Amino acid sequence: MTDYETLKENREFHRAYSRGKHYVSPTLVSYAVKNRRHVVRVGITTGKKTGNAVRRNRSRRVIREAFRPLAVSVKPGYDIVFVARARTPFAKSGDIRRVMESHLRSAGLLETEARGTGRP
């Protein structure tokens, strides 16, 4: 079972782009916007500038794997969209995780204590 849902509809992504705060790095762009549900929803996009289909798929896999350990510590009630950039397919998931953690911390979305683990 996952601790988050995925964004699927175009209007959900556009809502994050237009109303959300964005955080930029050379490997990842993150958008965060509050939602009316009490669950974290995550969307991942990769554009053609990222490369061919193989590179775009790798970018999505790397971003998804980088978010997995952070999912339990993200505050519920937010939509988060991660956009891959040209350098993303060449980065390791650990590098992306550090960038992602920095973006989420800047947005104030990381809880100090992870939910369900009992660890700080």
PDB file of N, CA and C in Angstrom:
ATOM      1  N   MET A   1       0.846  -1.195   0.000  1.00  0.00           N
ATOM      2  CA  MET A   1       0.000   0.000   0.000  1.00  0.00           C
ATOM      3  C   MET A   1       0.881   1.246   0.000  1.00  0.00           C
ATOM      4  N   THR A   2       0.510   2.220  -0.807  1.00  0.00           N
ATOM      5  CA  THR A   2       1.284   3.450  -0.874  1.00  0.00           C
ATOM      6  C   THR A   2       0.689   4.486   0.063  1.00  0.00           C
ATOM      7  N   ASP A   3       1.517   5.454   0.430  1.00  0.00           N
ATOM      8  CA  ASP A   3       1.067   6.525   1.308  1.00  0.00           C
ATOM      9  C   ASP A   3       0.593   7.734   0.509  1.00  0.00           C
ATOM     10  N   TYR A   4       0.479   7.579  -0.793  1.00  0.00           N
ATOM     11  CA  TYR A   4       0.069   8.697  -1.632  1.00  0.00           C
ATOM     12  C   TYR A   4      -0.734   8.189  -2.823  1.00  0.00           C
ATOM     13  N   GLU A   5      -1.494   9.113  -3.421  1.00  0.00           N
ATOM     14  CA  GLU A   5      -2.234   8.817  -4.636  1.00  0.00           C
ATOM     15  C   GLU A   5      -1.520   9.499  -5.789  1.00  0.00           C
ATOM     16  N   THR A   6      -1.859   9.114  -7.008  1.00  0.00           N
ATOM     17  CA  THR A   6      -1.229   9.747  -8.166  1.00  0.00           C
ATOM     18  C   THR A   6      -2.212  10.692  -8.855  1.00  0.00           C
ATOM     19  N   LEU A   7      -1.676  11.775  -9.381  1.00  0.00           N
ATOM     20  CA  LEU A   7      -2.466  12.698 -10.188  1.00  0.00           C
ATOM     21  C   LEU A   7      -2.555  12.107 -11.588  1.00  0.00           C
ATOM     22  N   LYS A   8      -3.740  12.148 -12.165  1.00  0.00           N
ATOM     23  CA  LYS A   8      -3.919  11.545 -13.476  1.00  0.00           C
ATOM     24  C   LYS A   8      -4.516  12.496 -14.510  1.00  0.00           C
ATOM     25  N   GLU A   9      -5.327  13.429 -14.049  1.00  0.00           N
ATOM     26  CA  GLU A   9      -6.045  14.287 -14.985  1.00  0.00           C
ATOM     27  C   GLU A   9      -5.277  15.570 -15.276  1.00  0.00           C
ATOM     28  N   ASN A  10      -5.394  16.028 -16.509  1.00  0.00           N
ATOM     29  CA  ASN A  10      -4.689  17.216 -16.976  1.00  0.00           C
ATOM     30  C   ASN A  10      -5.028  18.438 -16.125  1.00  0.00           C
ATOM     31  N   ARG A  11      -6.282  18.573 -15.733  1.00  0.00           N
ATOM     32  CA  ARG A  11      -6.678  19.756 -14.946  1.00  0.00           C
ATOM     33  C   ARG A  11      -6.013  19.772 -13.573  1.00  0.00           C
ATOM     34  N   GLU A  12      -5.728  18.598 -13.014  1.00  0.00           N
ATOM     35  CA  GLU A  12      -5.038  18.532 -11.723  1.00  0.00           C
ATOM     36  C   GLU A  12      -3.607  19.038 -11.854  1.00  0.00           C
ATOM     37  N   PHE A  13      -2.944  18.688 -12.954  1.00  0.00           N
ATOM     38  CA  PHE A  13      -1.585  19.169 -13.205  1.00  0.00           C
ATOM     39  C   PHE A  13      -1.594  20.676 -13.445  1.00  0.00           C
ATOM     40  N   HIS A  14      -2.548  21.148 -14.248  1.00  0.00           N
ATOM     41  CA  HIS A  14      -2.608  22.585 -14.540  1.00  0.00           C
ATOM     42  C   HIS A  14      -2.912  23.403 -13.296  1.00  0.00           C
ATOM     43  N   ARG A  15      -3.688  22.856 -12.392  1.00  0.00           N
ATOM     44  CA  ARG A  15      -3.963  23.547 -11.127  1.00  0.00           C
ATOM     45  C   ARG A  15      -2.679  23.723 -10.334  1.00  0.00           C
ATOM     46  N   ALA A  16      -1.847  22.703 -10.313  1.00  0.00           N
ATOM     47  CA  ALA A  16      -0.559  22.799  -9.607  1.00  0.00           C
ATOM     48  C   ALA A  16       0.354  23.811 -10.290  1.00  0.00           C
ATOM     49  N   TYR A  17       0.375  23.803 -11.621  1.00  0.00           N
ATOM     50  CA  TYR A  17       1.234  24.744 -12.343  1.00  0.00           C
ATOM     51  C   TYR A  17       0.800  26.191 -12.126  1.00  0.00           C
ATOM     52  N   SER A  18      -0.507  26.440 -12.133  1.00  0.00           N
ATOM     53  CA  SER A  18      -0.980  27.822 -12.058  1.00  0.00           C
ATOM     54  C   SER A  18      -1.070  28.357 -10.627  1.00  0.00           C
ATOM     55  N   ARG A  19      -1.467  27.521  -9.677  1.00  0.00           N
ATOM     56  CA  ARG A  19      -1.682  28.003  -8.313  1.00  0.00           C
ATOM     57  C   ARG A  19      -0.585  27.607  -7.334  1.00  0.00           C
ATOM     58  N   GLY A  20       0.229  26.640  -7.715  1.00  0.00           N
ATOM     59  CA  GLY A  20       1.218  26.124  -6.777  1.00  0.00           C
ATOM     60  C   GLY A  20       2.500  26.929  -6.745  1.00  0.00           C
ATOM     61  N   LYS A  21       3.246  26.717  -5.675  1.00  0.00           N
ATOM     62  CA  LYS A  21       4.581  27.308  -5.570  1.00  0.00           C
ATOM     63  C   LYS A  21       5.538  26.365  -6.271  1.00  0.00           C
ATOM     64  N   HIS A  22       6.550  26.928  -6.912  1.00  0.00           N
ATOM     65  CA  HIS A  22       7.499  26.083  -7.624  1.00  0.00           C
ATOM     66  C   HIS A  22       8.897  26.238  -7.042  1.00  0.00           C
ATOM     67  N   TYR A  23       9.653  25.163  -7.168  1.00  0.00           N
ATOM     68  CA  TYR A  23      11.025  25.092  -6.672  1.00  0.00           C
ATOM     69  C   TYR A  23      11.849  24.460  -7.786  1.00  0.00           C
ATOM     70  N   VAL A  24      12.959  25.117  -8.138  1.00  0.00           N
ATOM     71  CA  VAL A  24      13.702  24.729  -9.331  1.00  0.00           C
ATOM     72  C   VAL A  24      15.129  24.328  -8.989  1.00  0.00           C
ATOM     73  N   SER A  25      15.608  23.288  -9.639  1.00  0.00           N
ATOM     74  CA  SER A  25      17.008  22.883  -9.579  1.00  0.00           C
ATOM     75  C   SER A  25      17.384  22.387 -10.979  1.00  0.00           C
ATOM     76  N   PRO A  26      18.664  22.152 -11.234  1.00  0.00           N
ATOM     77  CA  PRO A  26      19.057  21.684 -12.576  1.00  0.00           C
ATOM     78  C   PRO A  26      18.489  20.312 -12.955  1.00  0.00           C
ATOM     79  N   THR A  27      18.122  19.498 -11.979  1.00  0.00           N
ATOM     80  CA  THR A  27      17.630  18.161 -12.289  1.00  0.00           C
ATOM     81  C   THR A  27      16.134  17.970 -12.070  1.00  0.00           C
ATOM     82  N   LEU A  28      15.479  18.899 -11.372  1.00  0.00           N
ATOM     83  CA  LEU A  28      14.077  18.691 -11.015  1.00  0.00           C
ATOM     84  C   LEU A  28      13.372  20.009 -10.746  1.00  0.00           C
ATOM     85  N   VAL A  29      12.110  20.079 -11.155  1.00  0.00           N
ATOM     86  CA  VAL A  29      11.241  21.199 -10.794  1.00  0.00           C
ATOM     87  C   VAL A  29      10.085  20.605  -9.996  1.00  0.00           C
ATOM     88  N   SER A  30       9.763  21.225  -8.863  1.00  0.00           N
ATOM     89  CA  SER A  30       8.684  20.730  -8.011  1.00  0.00           C
ATOM     90  C   SER A  30       7.627  21.814  -7.843  1.00  0.00           C
ATOM     91  N   TYR A  31       6.365  21.414  -7.941  1.00  0.00           N
ATOM     92  CA  TYR A  31       5.237  22.300  -7.703  1.00  0.00           C
ATOM     93  C   TYR A  31       4.446  21.728  -6.532  1.00  0.00           C
ATOM     94  N   ALA A  32       4.021  22.570  -5.616  1.00  0.00           N
ATOM     95  CA  ALA A  32       3.223  22.124  -4.473  1.00  0.00           C
ATOM     96  C   ALA A  32       2.035  23.056  -4.297  1.00  0.00           C
ATOM     97  N   VAL A  33       0.861  22.462  -4.148  1.00  0.00           N
ATOM     98  CA  VAL A  33      -0.361  23.230  -3.933  1.00  0.00           C
ATOM     99  C   VAL A  33      -1.244  22.458  -2.961  1.00  0.00           C
ATOM    100  N   LYS A  34      -1.933  23.187  -2.094  1.00  0.00           N
ATOM    101  CA  LYS A  34      -2.811  22.563  -1.103  1.00  0.00           C
ATOM    102  C   LYS A  34      -4.052  22.017  -1.811  1.00  0.00           C
ATOM    103  N   ASN A  35      -4.502  20.845  -1.368  1.00  0.00           N
ATOM    104  CA  ASN A  35      -5.742  20.297  -1.909  1.00  0.00           C
ATOM    105  C   ASN A  35      -6.775  20.183  -0.794  1.00  0.00           C
ATOM    106  N   ARG A  36      -8.002  19.861  -1.136  1.00  0.00           N
ATOM    107  CA  ARG A  36      -9.070  19.790  -0.135  1.00  0.00           C
ATOM    108  C   ARG A  36      -9.209  18.401   0.457  1.00  0.00           C
ATOM    109  N   ARG A  37      -8.411  17.483  -0.021  1.00  0.00           N
ATOM    110  CA  ARG A  37      -8.422  16.133   0.530  1.00  0.00           C
ATOM    111  C   ARG A  37      -7.353  16.047   1.604  1.00  0.00           C
ATOM    112  N   HIS A  38      -7.404  15.030   2.390  1.00  0.00           N
ATOM    113  CA  HIS A  38      -6.397  14.863   3.434  1.00  0.00           C
ATOM    114  C   HIS A  38      -5.442  13.743   3.064  1.00  0.00           C
ATOM    115  N   VAL A  39      -4.953  13.812   1.834  1.00  0.00           N
ATOM    116  CA  VAL A  39      -4.028  12.810   1.326  1.00  0.00           C
ATOM    117  C   VAL A  39      -3.021  13.499   0.417  1.00  0.00           C
ATOM    118  N   VAL A  40      -1.838  12.933   0.328  1.00  0.00           N
ATOM    119  CA  VAL A  40      -0.819  13.453  -0.577  1.00  0.00           C
ATOM    120  C   VAL A  40      -1.075  12.863  -1.954  1.00  0.00           C
ATOM    121  N   ARG A  41      -1.094  13.723  -2.963  1.00  0.00           N
ATOM    122  CA  ARG A  41      -1.239  13.255  -4.343  1.00  0.00           C
ATOM    123  C   ARG A  41      -0.015  13.726  -5.118  1.00  0.00           C
ATOM    124  N   VAL A  42       0.565  12.832  -5.907  1.00  0.00           N
ATOM    125  CA  VAL A  42       1.817  13.113  -6.608  1.00  0.00           C
ATOM    126  C   VAL A  42       1.647  12.859  -8.097  1.00  0.00           C
ATOM    127  N   GLY A  43       2.200  13.765  -8.899  1.00  0.00           N
ATOM    128  CA  GLY A  43       2.224  13.590 -10.348  1.00  0.00           C
ATOM    129  C   GLY A  43       3.634  13.792 -10.852  1.00  0.00           C
ATOM    130  N   ILE A  44       3.994  13.068 -11.899  1.00  0.00           N
ATOM    131  CA  ILE A  44       5.324  13.170 -12.486  1.00  0.00           C
ATOM    132  C   ILE A  44       5.164  13.422 -13.977  1.00  0.00           C
ATOM    133  N   THR A  45       5.861  14.437 -14.481  1.00  0.00           N
ATOM    134  CA  THR A  45       5.818  14.711 -15.912  1.00  0.00           C
ATOM    135  C   THR A  45       7.229  14.784 -16.477  1.00  0.00           C
ATOM    136  N   THR A  46       7.335  14.385 -17.720  1.00  0.00           N
ATOM    137  CA  THR A  46       8.600  14.490 -18.440  1.00  0.00           C
ATOM    138  C   THR A  46       8.282  14.991 -19.839  1.00  0.00           C
ATOM    139  N   GLY A  47       8.991  16.006 -20.264  1.00  0.00           N
ATOM    140  CA  GLY A  47       8.756  16.567 -21.583  1.00  0.00           C
ATOM    141  C   GLY A  47       9.701  15.981 -22.613  1.00  0.00           C
ATOM    142  N   LYS A  48       9.494  16.364 -23.841  1.00  0.00           N
ATOM    143  CA  LYS A  48      10.341  15.870 -24.934  1.00  0.00           C
ATOM    144  C   LYS A  48      11.784  16.341 -24.816  1.00  0.00           C
ATOM    145  N   LYS A  49      11.997  17.460 -24.134  1.00  0.00           N
ATOM    146  CA  LYS A  49      13.360  17.960 -23.968  1.00  0.00           C
ATOM    147  C   LYS A  49      14.207  17.015 -23.120  1.00  0.00           C
ATOM    148  N   THR A  50      13.543  16.164 -22.343  1.00  0.00           N
ATOM    149  CA  THR A  50      14.254  15.202 -21.501  1.00  0.00           C
ATOM    150  C   THR A  50      14.980  14.168 -22.357  1.00  0.00           C
ATOM    151  N   GLY A  51      14.440  13.875 -23.514  1.00  0.00           N
ATOM    152  CA  GLY A  51      15.082  12.907 -24.407  1.00  0.00           C
ATOM    153  C   GLY A  51      14.064  11.967 -25.017  1.00  0.00           C
ATOM    154  N   ASN A  52      14.562  10.836 -25.524  1.00  0.00           N
ATOM    155  CA  ASN A  52      13.669   9.871 -26.156  1.00  0.00           C
ATOM    156  C   ASN A  52      12.864   9.118 -25.096  1.00  0.00           C
ATOM    157  N   ALA A  53      12.067   8.150 -25.525  1.00  0.00           N
ATOM    158  CA  ALA A  53      11.166   7.445 -24.609  1.00  0.00           C
ATOM    159  C   ALA A  53      11.924   6.725 -23.497  1.00  0.00           C
ATOM    160  N   VAL A  54      13.065   6.172 -23.820  1.00  0.00           N
ATOM    161  CA  VAL A  54      13.846   5.452 -22.814  1.00  0.00           C
ATOM    162  C   VAL A  54      14.288   6.405 -21.701  1.00  0.00           C
ATOM    163  N   ARG A  55      14.774   7.573 -22.068  1.00  0.00           N
ATOM    164  CA  ARG A  55      15.217   8.559 -21.067  1.00  0.00           C
ATOM    165  C   ARG A  55      14.048   9.122 -20.272  1.00  0.00           C
ATOM    166  N   ARG A  56      12.921   9.344 -20.933  1.00  0.00           N
ATOM    167  CA  ARG A  56      11.742   9.851 -20.211  1.00  0.00           C
ATOM    168  C   ARG A  56      11.250   8.825 -19.195  1.00  0.00           C
ATOM    169  N   ASN A  57      11.213   7.559 -19.591  1.00  0.00           N
ATOM    170  CA  ASN A  57      10.789   6.511 -18.663  1.00  0.00           C
ATOM    171  C   ASN A  57      11.773   6.362 -17.511  1.00  0.00           C
ATOM    172  N   ARG A  58      13.056   6.440 -17.795  1.00  0.00           N
ATOM    173  CA  ARG A  58      14.048   6.365 -16.721  1.00  0.00           C
ATOM    174  C   ARG A  58      13.876   7.528 -15.755  1.00  0.00           C
ATOM    175  N   SER A  59      13.613   8.717 -16.291  1.00  0.00           N
ATOM    176  CA  SER A  59      13.395   9.886 -15.439  1.00  0.00           C
ATOM    177  C   SER A  59      12.224   9.655 -14.494  1.00  0.00           C
ATOM    178  N   ARG A  60      11.126   9.122 -15.021  1.00  0.00           N
ATOM    179  CA  ARG A  60       9.962   8.854 -14.168  1.00  0.00           C
ATOM    180  C   ARG A  60      10.279   7.820 -13.101  1.00  0.00           C
ATOM    181  N   ARG A  61      10.995   6.772 -13.474  1.00  0.00           N
ATOM    182  CA  ARG A  61      11.354   5.731 -12.501  1.00  0.00           C
ATOM    183  C   ARG A  61      12.245   6.281 -11.401  1.00  0.00           C
ATOM    184  N   VAL A  62      13.229   7.104 -11.787  1.00  0.00           N
ATOM    185  CA  VAL A  62      14.161   7.683 -10.809  1.00  0.00           C
ATOM    186  C   VAL A  62      13.417   8.609  -9.855  1.00  0.00           C
ATOM    187  N   ILE A  63      12.529   9.436 -10.377  1.00  0.00           N
ATOM    188  CA  ILE A  63      11.761  10.362  -9.542  1.00  0.00           C
ATOM    189  C   ILE A  63      10.844   9.584  -8.598  1.00  0.00           C
ATOM    190  N   ARG A  64      10.167   8.564  -9.118  1.00  0.00           N
ATOM    191  CA  ARG A  64       9.270   7.756  -8.285  1.00  0.00           C
ATOM    192  C   ARG A  64      10.029   7.067  -7.161  1.00  0.00           C
ATOM    193  N   GLU A  65      11.194   6.520  -7.476  1.00  0.00           N
ATOM    194  CA  GLU A  65      11.990   5.828  -6.464  1.00  0.00           C
ATOM    195  C   GLU A  65      12.561   6.804  -5.444  1.00  0.00           C
ATOM    196  N   ALA A  66      12.907   8.003  -5.876  1.00  0.00           N
ATOM    197  CA  ALA A  66      13.430   9.009  -4.951  1.00  0.00           C
ATOM    198  C   ALA A  66      12.345   9.478  -3.982  1.00  0.00           C
ATOM    199  N   PHE A  67      11.104   9.529  -4.444  1.00  0.00           N
ATOM    200  CA  PHE A  67      10.018  10.005  -3.588  1.00  0.00           C
ATOM    201  C   PHE A  67       9.560   8.947  -2.584  1.00  0.00           C
ATOM    202  N   ARG A  68       9.732   7.679  -2.913  1.00  0.00           N
ATOM    203  CA  ARG A  68       9.214   6.587  -2.079  1.00  0.00           C
ATOM    204  C   ARG A  68       9.600   6.700  -0.597  1.00  0.00           C
ATOM    205  N   PRO A  69      10.886   6.905  -0.234  1.00  0.00           N
ATOM    206  CA  PRO A  69      11.206   7.012   1.196  1.00  0.00           C
ATOM    207  C   PRO A  69      10.720   8.314   1.843  1.00  0.00           C
ATOM    208  N   LEU A  70      10.494   9.345   1.041  1.00  0.00           N
ATOM    209  CA  LEU A  70      10.033  10.623   1.585  1.00  0.00           C
ATOM    210  C   LEU A  70       8.524  10.666   1.769  1.00  0.00           C
ATOM    211  N   ALA A  71       7.804   9.754   1.140  1.00  0.00           N
ATOM    212  CA  ALA A  71       6.343   9.801   1.132  1.00  0.00           C
ATOM    213  C   ALA A  71       5.751   9.751   2.534  1.00  0.00           C
ATOM    214  N   VAL A  72       6.359   8.997   3.431  1.00  0.00           N
ATOM    215  CA  VAL A  72       5.791   8.858   4.778  1.00  0.00           C
ATOM    216  C   VAL A  72       5.942  10.129   5.612  1.00  0.00           C
ATOM    217  N   SER A  73       6.867  11.008   5.238  1.00  0.00           N
ATOM    218  CA  SER A  73       7.089  12.206   6.039  1.00  0.00           C
ATOM    219  C   SER A  73       6.503  13.478   5.424  1.00  0.00           C
ATOM    220  N   VAL A  74       5.785  13.355   4.313  1.00  0.00           N
ATOM    221  CA  VAL A  74       5.153  14.520   3.687  1.00  0.00           C
ATOM    222  C   VAL A  74       3.806  14.778   4.347  1.00  0.00           C
ATOM    223  N   LYS A  75       3.538  16.041   4.665  1.00  0.00           N
ATOM    224  CA  LYS A  75       2.271  16.416   5.291  1.00  0.00           C
ATOM    225  C   LYS A  75       1.114  16.104   4.345  1.00  0.00           C
ATOM    226  N   PRO A  76       0.035  15.533   4.857  1.00  0.00           N
ATOM    227  CA  PRO A  76      -1.121  15.243   3.998  1.00  0.00           C
ATOM    228  C   PRO A  76      -1.849  16.515   3.600  1.00  0.00           C
ATOM    229  N   GLY A  77      -2.583  16.433   2.501  1.00  0.00           N
ATOM    230  CA  GLY A  77      -3.384  17.562   2.056  1.00  0.00           C
ATOM    231  C   GLY A  77      -2.728  18.410   0.978  1.00  0.00           C
ATOM    232  N   TYR A  78      -1.767  17.848   0.258  1.00  0.00           N
ATOM    233  CA  TYR A  78      -1.080  18.601  -0.780  1.00  0.00           C
ATOM    234  C   TYR A  78      -0.985  17.799  -2.073  1.00  0.00           C
ATOM    235  N   ASP A  79      -1.032  18.525  -3.192  1.00  0.00           N
ATOM    236  CA  ASP A  79      -0.727  17.952  -4.498  1.00  0.00           C
ATOM    237  C   ASP A  79       0.695  18.370  -4.842  1.00  0.00           C
ATOM    238  N   ILE A  80       1.502  17.426  -5.263  1.00  0.00           N
ATOM    239  CA  ILE A  80       2.893  17.707  -5.623  1.00  0.00           C
ATOM    240  C   ILE A  80       3.123  17.204  -7.036  1.00  0.00           C
ATOM    241  N   VAL A  81       3.685  18.057  -7.879  1.00  0.00           N
ATOM    242  CA  VAL A  81       4.030  17.665  -9.241  1.00  0.00           C
ATOM    243  C   VAL A  81       5.536  17.819  -9.408  1.00  0.00           C
ATOM    244  N   PHE A  82       6.172  16.748  -9.876  1.00  0.00           N
ATOM    245  CA  PHE A  82       7.598  16.766 -10.168  1.00  0.00           C
ATOM    246  C   PHE A  82       7.773  16.751 -11.676  1.00  0.00           C
ATOM    247  N   VAL A  83       8.593  17.685 -12.176  1.00  0.00           N
ATOM    248  CA  VAL A  83       8.853  17.779 -13.603  1.00  0.00           C
ATOM    249  C   VAL A  83      10.323  17.457 -13.842  1.00  0.00           C
ATOM    250  N   ALA A  84      10.565  16.470 -14.692  1.00  0.00           N
ATOM    251  CA  ALA A  84      11.932  16.079 -15.020  1.00  0.00           C
ATOM    252  C   ALA A  84      12.559  17.120 -15.942  1.00  0.00           C
ATOM    253  N   ARG A  85      13.845  17.288 -15.811  1.00  0.00           N
ATOM    254  CA  ARG A  85      14.580  18.191 -16.679  1.00  0.00           C
ATOM    255  C   ARG A  85      15.589  17.393 -17.498  1.00  0.00           C
ATOM    256  N   ALA A  86      16.361  18.067 -18.333  1.00  0.00           N
ATOM    257  CA  ALA A  86      17.270  17.374 -19.252  1.00  0.00           C
ATOM    258  C   ALA A  86      18.324  16.542 -18.529  1.00  0.00           C
ATOM    259  N   ARG A  87      18.725  16.932 -17.337  1.00  0.00           N
ATOM    260  CA  ARG A  87      19.753  16.193 -16.594  1.00  0.00           C
ATOM    261  C   ARG A  87      19.193  15.024 -15.778  1.00  0.00           C
ATOM    262  N   THR A  88      17.894  14.954 -15.620  1.00  0.00           N
ATOM    263  CA  THR A  88      17.285  13.946 -14.749  1.00  0.00           C
ATOM    264  C   THR A  88      17.624  12.507 -15.129  1.00  0.00           C
ATOM    265  N   PRO A  89      17.576  12.115 -16.412  1.00  0.00           N
ATOM    266  CA  PRO A  89      17.848  10.702 -16.710  1.00  0.00           C
ATOM    267  C   PRO A  89      19.286  10.270 -16.409  1.00  0.00           C
ATOM    268  N   PHE A  90      20.172  11.205 -16.225  1.00  0.00           N
ATOM    269  CA  PHE A  90      21.573  10.888 -15.957  1.00  0.00           C
ATOM    270  C   PHE A  90      21.902  10.925 -14.467  1.00  0.00           C
ATOM    271  N   ALA A  91      20.933  11.274 -13.640  1.00  0.00           N
ATOM    272  CA  ALA A  91      21.151  11.385 -12.199  1.00  0.00           C
ATOM    273  C   ALA A  91      20.724  10.093 -11.499  1.00  0.00           C
ATOM    274  N   LYS A  92      21.313   9.847 -10.351  1.00  0.00           N
ATOM    275  CA  LYS A  92      20.942   8.698  -9.524  1.00  0.00           C
ATOM    276  C   LYS A  92      19.747   9.087  -8.653  1.00  0.00           C
ATOM    277  N   SER A  93      19.006   8.094  -8.197  1.00  0.00           N
ATOM    278  CA  SER A  93      17.818   8.391  -7.388  1.00  0.00           C
ATOM    279  C   SER A  93      18.196   9.057  -6.062  1.00  0.00           C
ATOM    280  N   GLY A  94      19.389   8.750  -5.531  1.00  0.00           N
ATOM    281  CA  GLY A  94      19.838   9.401  -4.292  1.00  0.00           C
ATOM    282  C   GLY A  94      20.056  10.892  -4.479  1.00  0.00           C
ATOM    283  N   ASP A  95      20.598  11.274  -5.633  1.00  0.00           N
ATOM    284  CA  ASP A  95      20.792  12.697  -5.930  1.00  0.00           C
ATOM    285  C   ASP A  95      19.447  13.404  -6.067  1.00  0.00           C
ATOM    286  N   ILE A  96      18.526  12.760  -6.761  1.00  0.00           N
ATOM    287  CA  ILE A  96      17.197  13.342  -6.944  1.00  0.00           C
ATOM    288  C   ILE A  96      16.486  13.440  -5.599  1.00  0.00           C
ATOM    289  N   ARG A  97      16.663  12.433  -4.728  1.00  0.00           N
ATOM    290  CA  ARG A  97      16.030  12.452  -3.413  1.00  0.00           C
ATOM    291  C   ARG A  97      16.505  13.642  -2.589  1.00  0.00           C
ATOM    292  N   ARG A  98      17.809  13.922  -2.638  1.00  0.00           N
ATOM    293  CA  ARG A  98      18.334  15.076  -1.881  1.00  0.00           C
ATOM    294  C   ARG A  98      17.733  16.382  -2.398  1.00  0.00           C
ATOM    295  N   VAL A  99      17.629  16.525  -3.707  1.00  0.00           N
ATOM    296  CA  VAL A  99      17.034  17.725  -4.303  1.00  0.00           C
ATOM    297  C   VAL A  99      15.558  17.820  -3.917  1.00  0.00           C
ATOM    298  N   MET A 100      14.865  16.689  -4.022  1.00  0.00           N
ATOM    299  CA  MET A 100      13.450  16.633  -3.702  1.00  0.00           C
ATOM    300  C   MET A 100      13.213  16.983  -2.237  1.00  0.00           C
ATOM    301  N   GLU A 101      14.049  16.453  -1.358  1.00  0.00           N
ATOM    302  CA  GLU A 101      13.930  16.740   0.067  1.00  0.00           C
ATOM    303  C   GLU A 101      14.133  18.225   0.337  1.00  0.00           C
ATOM    304  N   SER A 102      15.082  18.820  -0.353  1.00  0.00           N
ATOM    305  CA  SER A 102      15.330  20.255  -0.195  1.00  0.00           C
ATOM    306  C   SER A 102      14.123  21.068  -0.669  1.00  0.00           C
ATOM    307  N   HIS A 103      13.516  20.672  -1.797  1.00  0.00           N
ATOM    308  CA  HIS A 103      12.331  21.373  -2.306  1.00  0.00           C
ATOM    309  C   HIS A 103      11.165  21.237  -1.329  1.00  0.00           C
ATOM    310  N   LEU A 104      10.941  20.022  -0.839  1.00  0.00           N
ATOM    311  CA  LEU A 104       9.820  19.801   0.077  1.00  0.00           C
ATOM    312  C   LEU A 104      10.038  20.517   1.405  1.00  0.00           C
ATOM    313  N   ARG A 105      11.284  20.572   1.852  1.00  0.00           N
ATOM    314  CA  ARG A 105      11.586  21.296   3.091  1.00  0.00           C
ATOM    315  C   ARG A 105      11.356  22.796   2.894  1.00  0.00           C
ATOM    316  N   SER A 106      11.759  23.330   1.744  1.00  0.00           N
ATOM    317  CA  SER A 106      11.530  24.750   1.442  1.00  0.00           C
ATOM    318  C   SER A 106      10.040  25.065   1.396  1.00  0.00           C
ATOM    319  N   ALA A 107       9.245  24.113   0.909  1.00  0.00           N
ATOM    320  CA  ALA A 107       7.800  24.310   0.820  1.00  0.00           C
ATOM    321  C   ALA A 107       7.118  24.112   2.168  1.00  0.00           C
ATOM    322  N   GLY A 108       7.850  23.589   3.157  1.00  0.00           N
ATOM    323  CA  GLY A 108       7.279  23.338   4.469  1.00  0.00           C
ATOM    324  C   GLY A 108       6.390  22.108   4.504  1.00  0.00           C
ATOM    325  N   LEU A 109       6.660  21.145   3.630  1.00  0.00           N
ATOM    326  CA  LEU A 109       5.810  19.970   3.526  1.00  0.00           C
ATOM    327  C   LEU A 109       6.337  18.756   4.276  1.00  0.00           C
ATOM    328  N   LEU A 110       7.570  18.800   4.755  1.00  0.00           N
ATOM    329  CA  LEU A 110       8.109  17.654   5.479  1.00  0.00           C
ATOM    330  C   LEU A 110       7.806  17.790   6.964  1.00  0.00           C
ATOM    331  N   GLU A 111       7.247  16.732   7.534  1.00  0.00           N
ATOM    332  CA  GLU A 111       6.985  16.715   8.968  1.00  0.00           C
ATOM    333  C   GLU A 111       8.280  16.398   9.687  1.00  0.00           C
ATOM    334  N   THR A 112       8.415  16.902  10.905  1.00  0.00           N
ATOM    335  CA  THR A 112       9.634  16.642  11.658  1.00  0.00           C
ATOM    336  C   THR A 112       9.727  15.190  12.075  1.00  0.00           C
ATOM    337  N   GLU A 113       8.591  14.566  12.344  1.00  0.00           N
ATOM    338  CA  GLU A 113       8.577  13.143  12.696  1.00  0.00           C
ATOM    339  C   GLU A 113       7.790  12.393  11.633  1.00  0.00           C
ATOM    340  N   ALA A 114       8.374  11.335  11.110  1.00  0.00           N
ATOM    341  CA  ALA A 114       7.706  10.562  10.077  1.00  0.00           C
ATOM    342  C   ALA A 114       6.465   9.882  10.637  1.00  0.00           C
ATOM    343  N   ARG A 115       5.388   9.892   9.844  1.00  0.00           N
ATOM    344  CA  ARG A 115       4.144   9.248  10.291  1.00  0.00           C
ATOM    345  C   ARG A 115       4.316   7.740  10.304  1.00  0.00           C
ATOM    346  N   GLY A 116       3.880   7.113  11.371  1.00  0.00           N
ATOM    347  CA  GLY A 116       3.830   5.669  11.417  1.00  0.00           C
ATOM    348  C   GLY A 116       5.140   4.978  11.751  1.00  0.00           C
ATOM    349  N   THR A 117       6.244   5.690  11.809  1.00  0.00           N
ATOM    350  CA  THR A 117       7.500   5.027  12.102  1.00  0.00           C
ATOM    351  C   THR A 117       7.908   5.202  13.551  1.00  0.00           C
ATOM    352  N   GLY A 118       7.479   6.298  14.168  1.00  0.00           N
ATOM    353  CA  GLY A 118       7.851   6.563  15.554  1.00  0.00           C
ATOM    354  C   GLY A 118       9.260   7.065  15.710  1.00  0.00           C
ATOM    355  N   ARG A 119       9.920   7.327  14.579  1.00  0.00           N
ATOM    356  CA  ARG A 119      11.292   7.852  14.618  1.00  0.00           C
ATOM    357  C   ARG A 119      11.289   9.336  14.279  1.00  0.00           C
ATOM    358  N   PRO A 120      12.242  10.100  14.829  1.00  0.00           N
ATOM    359  CA  PRO A 120      12.313  11.532  14.480  1.00  0.00           C
ATOM    360  C   PRO A 120      12.850  11.751  13.101  1.00  0.00           C
TER     361      PRO A 120
END
